[in-house]
PDB file of N, CA and C in Angstrom:
ATOM      1  N   UNK A   1     -11.208 -10.102  10.332  1.00  0.00           N
ATOM      2  CA  UNK A   1     -12.294  -8.681  10.227  1.00  0.00           C
ATOM      3  C   UNK A   1     -13.661  -9.439  10.781  1.00  0.00           C
ATOM      4  N   UNK A   2     -13.987  -8.550  11.627  1.00  0.00           N
ATOM      5  CA  UNK A   2     -15.249  -8.894  13.014  1.00  0.00           C
ATOM      6  C   UNK A   2     -16.608  -9.350  12.036  1.00  0.00           C
ATOM      7  N   UNK A   3     -17.257 -10.731  12.114  1.00  0.00           N
ATOM      8  CA  UNK A   3     -18.094 -10.821  11.211  1.00  0.00           C
ATOM      9  C   UNK A   3     -18.889 -10.277  11.670  1.00  0.00           C
ATOM     10  N   UNK A   4     -19.266  -9.431  12.795  1.00  0.00           N
ATOM     11  CA  UNK A   4     -20.720  -8.239  12.675  1.00  0.00           C
ATOM     12  C   UNK A   4     -20.728  -7.489  11.928  1.00  0.00           C
ATOM     13  N   UNK A   5     -19.233  -6.653  12.276  1.00  0.00           N
ATOM     14  CA  UNK A   5     -19.109  -5.457  11.045  1.00  0.00           C
ATOM     15  C   UNK A   5     -19.344  -5.930  10.324  1.00  0.00           C
ATOM     16  N   UNK A   6     -18.740  -7.008   9.431  1.00  0.00           N
ATOM     17  CA  UNK A   6     -18.939  -6.908   7.532  1.00  0.00           C
ATOM     18  C   UNK A   6     -20.299  -7.354   7.818  1.00  0.00           C
ATOM     19  N   UNK A   7     -21.030  -7.979   8.418  1.00  0.00           N
ATOM     20  CA  UNK A   7     -22.425  -8.180   8.183  1.00  0.00           C
ATOM     21  C   UNK A   7     -23.192  -7.028   8.282  1.00  0.00           C
ATOM     22  N   UNK A   8     -23.334  -6.273   8.980  1.00  0.00           N
ATOM     23  CA  UNK A   8     -23.656  -4.739   9.400  1.00  0.00           C
ATOM     24  C   UNK A   8     -23.154  -3.922   8.101  1.00  0.00           C
ATOM     25  N   UNK A   9     -22.130  -4.008   7.876  1.00  0.00           N
ATOM     26  CA  UNK A   9     -21.701  -3.009   6.433  1.00  0.00           C
ATOM     27  C   UNK A   9     -22.134  -3.539   5.006  1.00  0.00           C
ATOM     28  N   UNK A  10     -22.378  -5.085   5.148  1.00  0.00           N
ATOM     29  CA  UNK A  10     -23.128  -5.431   3.577  1.00  0.00           C
ATOM     30  C   UNK A  10     -24.409  -4.735   4.003  1.00  0.00           C
ATOM     31  N   UNK A  11     -25.239  -5.052   4.968  1.00  0.00           N
ATOM     32  CA  UNK A  11     -26.542  -4.903   4.882  1.00  0.00           C
ATOM     33  C   UNK A  11     -26.385  -3.233   4.647  1.00  0.00           C
ATOM     34  N   UNK A  12     -26.160  -2.332   5.421  1.00  0.00           N
ATOM     35  CA  UNK A  12     -26.184  -1.369   5.172  1.00  0.00           C
ATOM     36  C   UNK A  12     -25.229  -0.498   3.929  1.00  0.00           C
ATOM     37  N   UNK A  13     -24.575  -1.009   2.899  1.00  0.00           N
ATOM     38  CA  UNK A  13     -24.275  -0.848   1.543  1.00  0.00           C
ATOM     39  C   UNK A  13     -25.304  -1.473   0.872  1.00  0.00           C
ATOM     40  N   UNK A  14     -25.850  -2.687   1.035  1.00  0.00           N
ATOM     41  CA  UNK A  14     -27.236  -3.009  -0.003  1.00  0.00           C
ATOM     42  C   UNK A  14     -28.491  -1.953   0.652  1.00  0.00           C
ATOM     43  N   UNK A  15     -28.446  -1.137   1.445  1.00  0.00           N
ATOM     44  CA  UNK A  15     -29.748  -0.545   1.842  1.00  0.00           C
ATOM     45  C   UNK A  15     -29.432   0.629   1.718  1.00  0.00           C
ATOM     46  N   UNK A  16     -28.193   1.385   1.287  1.00  0.00           N
ATOM     47  CA  UNK A  16     -27.630   2.490   0.701  1.00  0.00           C
ATOM     48  C   UNK A  16     -28.175   2.480  -0.934  1.00  0.00           C
ATOM     49  N   UNK A  17     -27.633   1.263  -2.014  1.00  0.00           N
ATOM     50  CA  UNK A  17     -27.940   0.718  -2.700  1.00  0.00           C
ATOM     51  C   UNK A  17     -29.133   1.397  -3.229  1.00  0.00           C
ATOM     52  N   UNK A  18     -30.285   0.671  -2.634  1.00  0.00           N
ATOM     53  CA  UNK A  18     -31.396   0.673  -2.795  1.00  0.00           C
ATOM     54  C   UNK A  18     -31.989   1.906  -2.513  1.00  0.00           C
ATOM     55  N   UNK A  19     -31.572   2.913  -1.546  1.00  0.00           N
ATOM     56  CA  UNK A  19     -32.028   4.532  -1.094  1.00  0.00           C
ATOM     57  C   UNK A  19     -31.335   5.067  -2.306  1.00  0.00           C
ATOM     58  N   UNK A  20     -30.336   4.692  -3.123  1.00  0.00           N
ATOM     59  CA  UNK A  20     -29.819   6.117  -3.810  1.00  0.00           C
ATOM     60  C   UNK A  20     -30.653   5.802  -5.433  1.00  0.00           C
ATOM     61  N   UNK A  21     -31.199   4.466  -5.585  1.00  0.00           N
ATOM     62  CA  UNK A  21     -31.751   3.785  -6.632  1.00  0.00           C
ATOM     63  C   UNK A  21     -33.743   4.282  -6.487  1.00  0.00           C
ATOM     64  N   UNK A  22     -33.631   4.542  -5.202  1.00  0.00           N
ATOM     65  CA  UNK A  22     -35.178   4.874  -5.335  1.00  0.00           C
ATOM     66  C   UNK A  22     -35.595   6.561  -5.287  1.00  0.00           C
ATOM     67  N   UNK A  23     -34.507   7.135  -5.441  1.00  0.00           N
ATOM     68  CA  UNK A  23     -34.154   8.453  -6.124  1.00  0.00           C
ATOM     69  C   UNK A  23     -34.396   8.907  -7.424  1.00  0.00           C
ATOM     70  N   UNK A  24     -35.519   9.137  -7.709  1.00  0.00           N
ATOM     71  CA  UNK A  24     -35.695   9.220  -9.587  1.00  0.00           C
ATOM     72  C   UNK A  24     -35.376  10.545  -9.359  1.00  0.00           C
ATOM     73  N   UNK A  25     -34.776  11.131 -10.141  1.00  0.00           N
ATOM     74  CA  UNK A  25     -33.890  12.268 -10.292  1.00  0.00           C
ATOM     75  C   UNK A  25     -33.795  12.192 -11.490  1.00  0.00           C
ATOM     76  N   UNK A  26     -34.612  12.756 -12.658  1.00  0.00           N
ATOM     77  CA  UNK A  26     -34.506  13.174 -14.095  1.00  0.00           C
ATOM     78  C   UNK A  26     -34.534  11.777 -14.296  1.00  0.00           C
ATOM     79  N   UNK A  27     -35.608  10.927 -15.649  1.00  0.00           N
ATOM     80  CA  UNK A  27     -35.416   9.823 -16.219  1.00  0.00           C
ATOM     81  C   UNK A  27     -34.758   9.961 -17.337  1.00  0.00           C
ATOM     82  N   UNK A  28     -33.790   9.302 -18.377  1.00  0.00           N
ATOM     83  CA  UNK A  28     -33.928   9.389 -19.121  1.00  0.00           C
ATOM     84  C   UNK A  28     -31.988   9.998 -19.755  1.00  0.00           C
ATOM     85  N   UNK A  29     -31.380   9.951 -20.052  1.00  0.00           N
ATOM     86  CA  UNK A  29     -30.384  10.400 -20.633  1.00  0.00           C
ATOM     87  C   UNK A  29     -30.381  12.409 -20.213  1.00  0.00           C
ATOM     88  N   UNK A  30     -31.391  13.096 -20.488  1.00  0.00           N
ATOM     89  CA  UNK A  30     -31.322  14.471 -20.578  1.00  0.00           C
ATOM     90  C   UNK A  30     -31.328  15.077 -19.052  1.00  0.00           C
ATOM     91  N   UNK A  31     -31.791  13.519 -17.865  1.00  0.00           N
ATOM     92  CA  UNK A  31     -31.228  14.291 -16.533  1.00  0.00           C
ATOM     93  C   UNK A  31     -29.894  13.734 -15.857  1.00  0.00           C
ATOM     94  N   UNK A  32     -29.288  12.789 -16.843  1.00  0.00           N
ATOM     95  CA  UNK A  32     -27.746  12.687 -16.850  1.00  0.00           C
ATOM     96  C   UNK A  32     -26.755  14.012 -17.526  1.00  0.00           C
ATOM     97  N   UNK A  33     -27.546  14.980 -17.666  1.00  0.00           N
ATOM     98  CA  UNK A  33     -26.499  15.898 -18.934  1.00  0.00           C
ATOM     99  C   UNK A  33     -26.899  17.182 -18.469  1.00  0.00           C
ATOM    100  N   UNK A  34     -27.948  17.302 -17.054  1.00  0.00           N
ATOM    101  CA  UNK A  34     -28.769  18.106 -16.510  1.00  0.00           C
ATOM    102  C   UNK A  34     -30.100  18.470 -17.575  1.00  0.00           C
ATOM    103  N   UNK A  35     -30.263  18.182 -17.566  1.00  0.00           N
ATOM    104  CA  UNK A  35     -32.057  18.579 -18.751  1.00  0.00           C
ATOM    105  C   UNK A  35     -32.794  18.558 -17.959  1.00  0.00           C
ATOM    106  N   UNK A  36     -32.838  18.522 -16.329  1.00  0.00           N
ATOM    107  CA  UNK A  36     -34.141  18.621 -15.602  1.00  0.00           C
ATOM    108  C   UNK A  36     -34.845  19.785 -15.719  1.00  0.00           C
ATOM    109  N   UNK A  37     -36.310  19.671 -15.673  1.00  0.00           N
ATOM    110  CA  UNK A  37     -36.870  21.079 -15.591  1.00  0.00           C
ATOM    111  C   UNK A  37     -37.121  21.364 -14.764  1.00  0.00           C
ATOM    112  N   UNK A  38     -37.097  20.802 -13.607  1.00  0.00           N
ATOM    113  CA  UNK A  38     -36.882  21.969 -11.984  1.00  0.00           C
ATOM    114  C   UNK A  38     -35.898  21.826 -11.623  1.00  0.00           C
ATOM    115  N   UNK A  39     -35.473  22.924 -11.669  1.00  0.00           N
ATOM    116  CA  UNK A  39     -33.813  23.018 -10.813  1.00  0.00           C
ATOM    117  C   UNK A  39     -33.694  23.593  -9.822  1.00  0.00           C
ATOM    118  N   UNK A  40     -34.501  24.479  -9.610  1.00  0.00           N
ATOM    119  CA  UNK A  40     -34.705  24.662  -8.173  1.00  0.00           C
ATOM    120  C   UNK A  40     -35.602  24.337  -7.313  1.00  0.00           C
ATOM    121  N   UNK A  41     -36.071  23.183  -6.612  1.00  0.00           N
ATOM    122  CA  UNK A  41     -37.093  22.930  -6.272  1.00  0.00           C
ATOM    123  C   UNK A  41     -36.462  22.148  -5.146  1.00  0.00           C
ATOM    124  N   UNK A  42     -37.226  22.275  -4.038  1.00  0.00           N
ATOM    125  CA  UNK A  42     -37.143  21.960  -2.623  1.00  0.00           C
ATOM    126  C   UNK A  42     -37.668  20.295  -2.384  1.00  0.00           C
ATOM    127  N   UNK A  43     -37.274  19.087  -2.077  1.00  0.00           N
ATOM    128  CA  UNK A  43     -37.537  17.870  -1.295  1.00  0.00           C
ATOM    129  C   UNK A  43     -38.962  18.242  -0.585  1.00  0.00           C
ATOM    130  N   UNK A  44     -39.856  17.603  -0.548  1.00  0.00           N
ATOM    131  CA  UNK A  44     -40.831  17.488   0.101  1.00  0.00           C
ATOM    132  C   UNK A  44     -41.479  16.004   0.612  1.00  0.00           C
ATOM    133  N   UNK A  45     -41.658  15.819   1.884  1.00  0.00           N
ATOM    134  CA  UNK A  45     -42.536  14.781   2.279  1.00  0.00           C
ATOM    135  C   UNK A  45     -41.974  13.891   2.149  1.00  0.00           C
ATOM    136  N   UNK A  46     -41.948  12.457   1.139  1.00  0.00           N
ATOM    137  CA  UNK A  46     -41.250  11.182   1.357  1.00  0.00           C
ATOM    138  C   UNK A  46     -39.914  11.281   0.876  1.00  0.00           C
ATOM    139  N   UNK A  47     -40.021  12.419  -0.285  1.00  0.00           N
ATOM    140  CA  UNK A  47     -38.926  12.335  -0.940  1.00  0.00           C
ATOM    141  C   UNK A  47     -37.596  13.325   0.075  1.00  0.00           C
ATOM    142  N   UNK A  48     -38.230  13.905   0.913  1.00  0.00           N
ATOM    143  CA  UNK A  48     -37.275  14.317   1.951  1.00  0.00           C
ATOM    144  C   UNK A  48     -36.555  13.201   2.785  1.00  0.00           C
ATOM    145  N   UNK A  49     -37.936  12.592   3.176  1.00  0.00           N
ATOM    146  CA  UNK A  49     -37.512  11.568   4.031  1.00  0.00           C
ATOM    147  C   UNK A  49     -35.913  10.227   3.482  1.00  0.00           C
ATOM    148  N   UNK A  50     -36.589  10.263   2.430  1.00  0.00           N
ATOM    149  CA  UNK A  50     -35.564   9.263   1.753  1.00  0.00           C
ATOM    150  C   UNK A  50     -34.495   9.985   1.556  1.00  0.00           C
ATOM    151  N   UNK A  51     -34.640  11.275   1.476  1.00  0.00           N
ATOM    152  CA  UNK A  51     -32.806  11.887   0.978  1.00  0.00           C
ATOM    153  C   UNK A  51     -32.188  11.786   2.928  1.00  0.00           C
ATOM    154  N   UNK A  52     -32.970  12.050   3.666  1.00  0.00           N
ATOM    155  CA  UNK A  52     -32.526  11.937   5.237  1.00  0.00           C
ATOM    156  C   UNK A  52     -31.764  10.808   5.315  1.00  0.00           C
ATOM    157  N   UNK A  53     -32.909   9.552   5.090  1.00  0.00           N
ATOM    158  CA  UNK A  53     -32.039   7.934   5.369  1.00  0.00           C
ATOM    159  C   UNK A  53     -31.078   8.285   4.494  1.00  0.00           C
ATOM    160  N   UNK A  54     -30.900   7.894   3.600  1.00  0.00           N
ATOM    161  CA  UNK A  54     -29.974   8.324   2.353  1.00  0.00           C
ATOM    162  C   UNK A  54     -28.429   8.603   3.198  1.00  0.00           C
ATOM    163  N   UNK A  55     -28.607   9.562   3.972  1.00  0.00           N
ATOM    164  CA  UNK A  55     -27.522  10.502   4.552  1.00  0.00           C
ATOM    165  C   UNK A  55     -27.312  10.151   5.852  1.00  0.00           C
ATOM    166  N   UNK A  56     -28.336   9.178   6.289  1.00  0.00           N
ATOM    167  CA  UNK A  56     -28.253   8.021   7.521  1.00  0.00           C
ATOM    168  C   UNK A  56     -27.440   7.005   7.468  1.00  0.00           C
ATOM    169  N   UNK A  57     -27.612   6.548   5.974  1.00  0.00           N
ATOM    170  CA  UNK A  57     -26.886   5.215   5.610  1.00  0.00           C
ATOM    171  C   UNK A  57     -25.595   5.398   5.009  1.00  0.00           C
ATOM    172  N   UNK A  58     -25.047   6.689   4.173  1.00  0.00           N
ATOM    173  CA  UNK A  58     -23.994   6.628   4.235  1.00  0.00           C
ATOM    174  C   UNK A  58     -23.129   7.296   4.871  1.00  0.00           C
ATOM    175  N   UNK A  59     -24.031   7.578   6.354  1.00  0.00           N
ATOM    176  CA  UNK A  59     -22.753   8.405   7.664  1.00  0.00           C
ATOM    177  C   UNK A  59     -22.361   6.479   8.079  1.00  0.00           C
ATOM    178  N   UNK A  60     -23.544   5.602   7.957  1.00  0.00           N
ATOM    179  CA  UNK A  60     -23.333   4.249   8.537  1.00  0.00           C
ATOM    180  C   UNK A  60     -22.142   3.344   8.283  1.00  0.00           C
ATOM    181  N   UNK A  61     -22.470   3.689   7.057  1.00  0.00           N
ATOM    182  CA  UNK A  61     -21.593   2.996   5.816  1.00  0.00           C
ATOM    183  C   UNK A  61     -20.053   3.430   6.308  1.00  0.00           C
ATOM    184  N   UNK A  62     -20.080   4.957   6.541  1.00  0.00           N
ATOM    185  CA  UNK A  62     -18.336   5.351   6.515  1.00  0.00           C
ATOM    186  C   UNK A  62     -17.893   4.987   8.306  1.00  0.00           C
ATOM    187  N   UNK A  63     -19.000   4.759   8.697  1.00  0.00           N
ATOM    188  CA  UNK A  63     -18.776   4.502  10.388  1.00  0.00           C
ATOM    189  C   UNK A  63     -18.087   2.934  10.849  1.00  0.00           C
ATOM    190  N   UNK A  64     -18.773   2.045   9.801  1.00  0.00           N
ATOM    191  CA  UNK A  64     -18.589   0.493   9.680  1.00  0.00           C
ATOM    192  C   UNK A  64     -17.244   0.488   9.091  1.00  0.00           C
ATOM    193  N   UNK A  65     -17.124   1.314   8.224  1.00  0.00           N
ATOM    194  CA  UNK A  65     -15.416   1.373   7.523  1.00  0.00           C
ATOM    195  C   UNK A  65     -14.814   1.481   8.315  1.00  0.00           C
ATOM    196  N   UNK A  66     -14.812   2.655   8.964  1.00  0.00           N
ATOM    197  CA  UNK A  66     -13.387   3.005   9.466  1.00  0.00           C
ATOM    198  C   UNK A  66     -13.399   2.203  10.828  1.00  0.00           C
ATOM    199  N   UNK A  67     -14.811   1.872  11.690  1.00  0.00           N
ATOM    200  CA  UNK A  67     -14.523   0.606  12.642  1.00  0.00           C
ATOM    201  C   UNK A  67     -13.789  -0.670  11.840  1.00  0.00           C
ATOM    202  N   UNK A  68     -14.522  -0.864  10.804  1.00  0.00           N
ATOM    203  CA  UNK A  68     -13.715  -2.385  10.415  1.00  0.00           C
ATOM    204  C   UNK A  68     -11.925  -1.957  10.179  1.00  0.00           C
ATOM    205  N   UNK A  69     -11.628  -1.129  10.151  1.00  0.00           N
ATOM    206  CA  UNK A  69      -9.935  -0.706   9.982  1.00  0.00           C
ATOM    207  C   UNK A  69      -9.475  -0.696  10.527  1.00  0.00           C
ATOM    208  N   UNK A  70     -10.117   0.218  11.834  1.00  0.00           N
ATOM    209  CA  UNK A  70      -9.103  -0.020  13.218  1.00  0.00           C
ATOM    210  C   UNK A  70      -9.275  -0.862  14.142  1.00  0.00           C
ATOM    211  N   UNK A  71      -9.998  -2.007  13.794  1.00  0.00           N
ATOM    212  CA  UNK A  71     -10.414  -3.252  14.443  1.00  0.00           C
ATOM    213  C   UNK A  71      -9.607  -3.908  13.712  1.00  0.00           C
ATOM    214  N   UNK A  72      -9.320  -3.974  12.820  1.00  0.00           N
ATOM    215  CA  UNK A  72      -8.530  -5.403  11.951  1.00  0.00           C
ATOM    216  C   UNK A  72      -6.935  -5.541  12.664  1.00  0.00           C
ATOM    217  N   UNK A  73      -6.729  -6.807  12.331  1.00  0.00           N
ATOM    218  CA  UNK A  73      -5.544  -7.055  13.293  1.00  0.00           C
ATOM    219  C   UNK A  73      -4.367  -6.646  12.183  1.00  0.00           C
ATOM    220  N   UNK A  74      -3.339  -6.034  12.919  1.00  0.00           N
ATOM    221  CA  UNK A  74      -2.449  -5.512  12.502  1.00  0.00           C
ATOM    222  C   UNK A  74      -1.126  -6.280  11.977  1.00  0.00           C
ATOM    223  N   UNK A  75      -0.944  -7.049  10.755  1.00  0.00           N
ATOM    224  CA  UNK A  75      -0.212  -7.247  10.333  1.00  0.00           C
ATOM    225  C   UNK A  75       1.813  -6.992  10.354  1.00  0.00           C
ATOM    226  N   UNK A  76       2.328  -7.375  10.713  1.00  0.00           N
ATOM    227  CA  UNK A  76       3.718  -6.797  11.098  1.00  0.00           C
ATOM    228  C   UNK A  76       4.578  -7.969  10.807  1.00  0.00           C
TER     229      UNK A  76
END
């Protein structure tokens, strides 16, 4: 595997984990079972930018994974 791809995928995956954990969506067990009081609300400000950043990181992670798969030496 290309070392640049593996290092890039490592950094993107760490950023993705941090971005997902920063999104505080319902604290406690009530949030896990759908007990969030604000069911229909739109994301605004920093929360919206964090959501968009998470989507960008997800796309980058998928691209790194596909590139690593396609550029891997075939074992025949």
